């Protein structure tokens, strides 16, 4: 193989690298949920595995199966908010928020579905219906339809919180969703602990 040919073959990928753009530019920041309830380091409940509460990963509609923040434009149109990207899917973030909040508020042994390896008698599952921005009202909405299953008995309840007057920008929407999600998690913890 000639030197010229080696140079051309070696330079081709470099020349193409300037022409091809793979993916979009990353957002300036990623959004996450931060629990209002904090568990102190070195503390935590203990107990029988059967007495623990297992918080399952919530089901979600397709609009929440991604790391983008959905915007309900009208009754039949959903878009995504520019530069608003979660560090993980909303269902996983909300599950972690529920586990932390319920554990801190009730003092109960609370596990997620990955941590729970044995048969617990109480499970919390449900559907995260809303977790985004409503363009018509200028508010964020978080709605969780919960199902508490204890020894074969089922109990359901809908929890919802909204924060009005939020501009359609990534940072304020992320902060408002964090506030609304914490309000819902606290209401769920009160229900589960009662």
Protein backbone atom coordinates (compact mmCIF):
# COMPACT_ATOMS: atom_id res chain seq x y z
CA UNK A 1 0.00 0.00 0.00
CA UNK A 2 1.41 3.37 -0.97
CA UNK A 3 2.09 6.17 1.50
CA UNK A 4 -0.35 8.42 -0.38
CA UNK A 5 -3.12 5.87 0.05
CA UNK A 6 -2.40 5.52 3.79
CA UNK A 7 -2.52 9.29 4.21
CA UNK A 8 -5.84 9.53 2.34
CA UNK A 9 -7.37 6.68 4.36
CA UNK A 10 -6.15 8.24 7.61
CA UNK A 11 -7.36 11.73 6.71
CA UNK A 12 -10.82 10.69 5.47
CA UNK A 13 -12.35 10.18 8.93
CA UNK A 14 -10.92 13.51 10.09
CA UNK A 15 -12.38 15.33 7.10
CA UNK A 16 -15.79 13.72 7.61
CA UNK A 17 -15.81 14.53 11.33
CA UNK A 18 -16.30 18.20 10.50
CA UNK A 19 -19.28 17.41 8.23
CA UNK A 20 -21.22 15.04 10.43
CA UNK A 21 -23.04 16.03 13.59
CA UNK A 22 -24.13 13.13 15.76
CA UNK A 23 -26.94 14.07 18.12
CA UNK A 24 -28.03 17.47 19.37
CA UNK A 25 -26.07 19.92 21.45
CA UNK A 26 -26.41 19.02 25.12
CA UNK A 27 -28.71 21.17 27.25
CA UNK A 28 -27.04 23.76 29.48
CA UNK A 29 -28.11 21.80 32.60
CA UNK A 30 -29.99 18.63 33.55
CA UNK A 31 -33.01 18.57 35.86
CA UNK A 32 -33.52 16.28 38.84
CA UNK A 33 -35.83 15.89 41.84
CA UNK A 34 -34.49 16.74 45.28
CA UNK A 35 -36.47 15.44 48.27
CA UNK A 36 -37.62 17.97 50.85
CA UNK A 37 -37.38 15.08 53.33
CA UNK A 38 -33.77 14.20 54.12
CA UNK A 39 -32.55 11.00 55.75
CA UNK A 40 -29.59 11.50 58.07
CA UNK A 41 -26.42 9.64 57.23
CA UNK A 42 -25.92 6.54 59.37
CA UNK A 43 -29.60 6.20 60.26
CA UNK A 44 -32.32 3.99 58.91
CA UNK A 45 -35.03 1.60 59.95
CA UNK A 46 -34.53 -2.14 60.28
CA UNK A 47 -37.05 -4.93 60.42
CA UNK A 48 -38.44 -8.07 58.91
CA UNK A 49 -38.48 -8.10 55.11
CA UNK A 50 -42.13 -9.07 55.15
CA UNK A 51 -42.99 -5.87 57.06
CA UNK A 52 -41.24 -3.59 54.56
CA UNK A 53 -43.06 -1.45 52.03
CA UNK A 54 -41.94 -1.94 48.43
CA UNK A 55 -42.38 1.07 46.14
CA UNK A 56 -42.65 -0.14 42.57
CA UNK A 57 -41.51 1.85 39.53
CA UNK A 58 -44.58 3.84 38.39
CA UNK A 59 -46.15 3.17 35.02
CA UNK A 60 -46.20 6.16 32.67
CA UNK A 61 -47.84 7.23 29.43
CA UNK A 62 -45.56 7.41 26.39
CA UNK A 63 -45.01 11.15 26.81
CA UNK A 64 -43.20 10.44 30.10
CA UNK A 65 -41.17 7.45 28.91
CA UNK A 66 -38.36 9.83 27.90
CA UNK A 67 -36.11 12.26 29.75
CA UNK A 68 -37.75 15.36 28.23
CA UNK A 69 -40.36 17.59 29.93
CA UNK A 70 -43.72 17.31 28.13
CA UNK A 71 -45.78 20.41 27.38
CA UNK A 72 -49.54 19.92 27.00
CA UNK A 73 -50.19 22.47 24.24
CA UNK A 74 -53.90 21.70 23.91
CA UNK A 75 -56.23 18.74 24.44
CA UNK A 76 -54.58 16.66 21.72
CA UNK A 77 -51.08 18.11 21.24
CA UNK A 78 -47.93 17.46 23.26
CA UNK A 79 -44.56 19.08 22.62
CA UNK A 80 -41.36 19.06 24.67
CA UNK A 81 -39.88 22.04 26.50
CA UNK A 82 -36.66 23.37 24.97
CA UNK A 83 -33.51 22.61 27.00
CA UNK A 84 -35.51 20.83 29.73
CA UNK A 85 -33.98 17.37 30.15
CA UNK A 86 -34.09 15.11 33.22
CA UNK A 87 -31.03 13.17 34.43
CA UNK A 88 -33.21 10.02 34.34
CA UNK A 89 -36.74 9.09 33.33
CA UNK A 90 -39.40 10.85 35.45
CA UNK A 91 -40.77 7.52 36.73
CA UNK A 92 -37.40 6.54 38.25
CA UNK A 93 -36.86 10.01 39.75
CA UNK A 94 -40.36 10.01 41.26
CA UNK A 95 -39.93 6.48 42.65
CA UNK A 96 -36.72 7.56 44.42
CA UNK A 97 -38.50 10.63 45.79
CA UNK A 98 -41.36 8.46 47.11
CA UNK A 99 -38.95 6.00 48.79
CA UNK A 100 -37.03 8.78 50.54
CA UNK A 101 -40.11 10.75 51.60
CA UNK A 102 -42.08 7.75 52.89
CA UNK A 103 -39.03 6.40 54.74
CA UNK A 104 -38.33 9.77 56.40
CA UNK A 105 -41.97 10.61 57.25
CA UNK A 106 -43.08 7.21 58.52
CA UNK A 107 -39.87 5.72 59.94
CA UNK A 108 -40.83 2.55 58.11
CA UNK A 109 -38.52 0.20 56.22
CA UNK A 110 -39.11 1.22 52.58
CA UNK A 111 -37.46 -0.42 49.58
CA UNK A 112 -37.69 0.09 45.85
CA UNK A 113 -38.46 -2.82 43.54
CA UNK A 114 -34.74 -3.40 42.88
CA UNK A 115 -33.78 -3.49 46.58
CA UNK A 116 -36.71 -5.73 47.52
CA UNK A 117 -35.53 -9.30 46.95
CA UNK A 118 -37.96 -11.06 49.24
CA UNK A 119 -41.70 -11.14 49.66
CA UNK A 120 -42.99 -7.98 51.26
CA UNK A 121 -46.63 -7.93 52.24
CA UNK A 122 -47.22 -4.29 51.30
CA UNK A 123 -46.55 -2.77 47.89
CA UNK A 124 -47.14 0.69 46.51
CA UNK A 125 -47.55 0.90 42.77
CA UNK A 126 -49.36 3.15 40.39
CA UNK A 127 -49.25 5.39 37.35
CA UNK A 128 -47.55 8.74 37.03
CA UNK A 129 -50.21 10.38 34.82
CA UNK A 130 -48.96 13.97 34.65
CA UNK A 131 -45.45 15.25 35.13
CA UNK A 132 -45.03 18.29 32.94
CA UNK A 133 -46.07 21.76 31.87
CA UNK A 134 -49.56 22.89 30.83
CA UNK A 135 -49.18 25.71 28.28
CA UNK A 136 -52.79 26.91 28.49
CA UNK A 137 -52.70 27.51 32.26
CA UNK A 138 -48.97 28.28 32.55
CA UNK A 139 -48.60 25.72 35.34
CA UNK A 140 -46.83 22.48 36.09
CA UNK A 141 -48.90 19.47 37.09
CA UNK A 142 -47.91 16.24 38.84
CA UNK A 143 -50.58 13.52 39.12
CA UNK A 144 -49.98 10.05 40.58
CA UNK A 145 -52.66 7.33 40.72
CA UNK A 146 -51.52 5.12 43.60
CA UNK A 147 -52.44 1.54 44.44
CA UNK A 148 -51.58 0.22 47.90
CA UNK A 149 -51.67 -3.57 48.09
CA UNK A 150 -51.58 -5.18 51.52
CA UNK A 151 -52.10 -8.91 51.88
CA UNK A 152 -54.23 -9.10 48.74
CA UNK A 153 -56.36 -6.05 49.63
CA UNK A 154 -56.20 -3.12 47.21
CA UNK A 155 -56.77 0.56 47.93
CA UNK A 156 -56.47 3.30 45.32
CA UNK A 157 -56.11 7.05 45.55
CA UNK A 158 -55.24 9.90 43.19
CA UNK A 159 -52.73 12.52 44.29
CA UNK A 160 -52.14 15.73 42.37
CA UNK A 161 -50.36 19.03 42.83
CA UNK A 162 -49.85 22.01 40.57
CA UNK A 163 -47.82 25.19 40.64
CA UNK A 164 -49.35 28.09 38.66
CA UNK A 165 -47.66 31.08 37.06
CA UNK A 166 -44.56 29.30 35.80
CA UNK A 167 -42.78 30.67 32.71
CA UNK A 168 -42.17 28.09 29.96
CA UNK A 169 -38.43 27.86 30.60
CA UNK A 170 -36.36 24.88 31.73
CA UNK A 171 -35.11 26.17 35.09
CA UNK A 172 -38.41 27.53 36.51
CA UNK A 173 -40.36 24.53 35.20
CA UNK A 174 -37.84 22.13 36.75
CA UNK A 175 -38.01 23.90 40.13
CA UNK A 176 -41.83 23.96 40.05
CA UNK A 177 -42.01 20.26 39.12
CA UNK A 178 -39.69 19.51 42.05
CA UNK A 179 -42.03 21.42 44.40
CA UNK A 180 -45.17 19.72 43.05
CA UNK A 181 -43.57 16.25 43.12
CA UNK A 182 -42.51 16.77 46.75
CA UNK A 183 -46.06 17.82 47.66
CA UNK A 184 -47.47 14.67 46.05
CA UNK A 185 -44.82 12.47 47.72
CA UNK A 186 -45.65 13.97 51.12
CA UNK A 187 -49.38 13.32 50.58
CA UNK A 188 -48.61 9.72 49.57
CA UNK A 189 -46.41 9.27 52.67
CA UNK A 190 -49.24 10.55 54.90
CA UNK A 191 -51.68 8.14 53.23
CA UNK A 192 -49.32 5.15 53.49
CA UNK A 193 -48.37 5.96 57.08
CA UNK A 194 -51.97 6.44 58.25
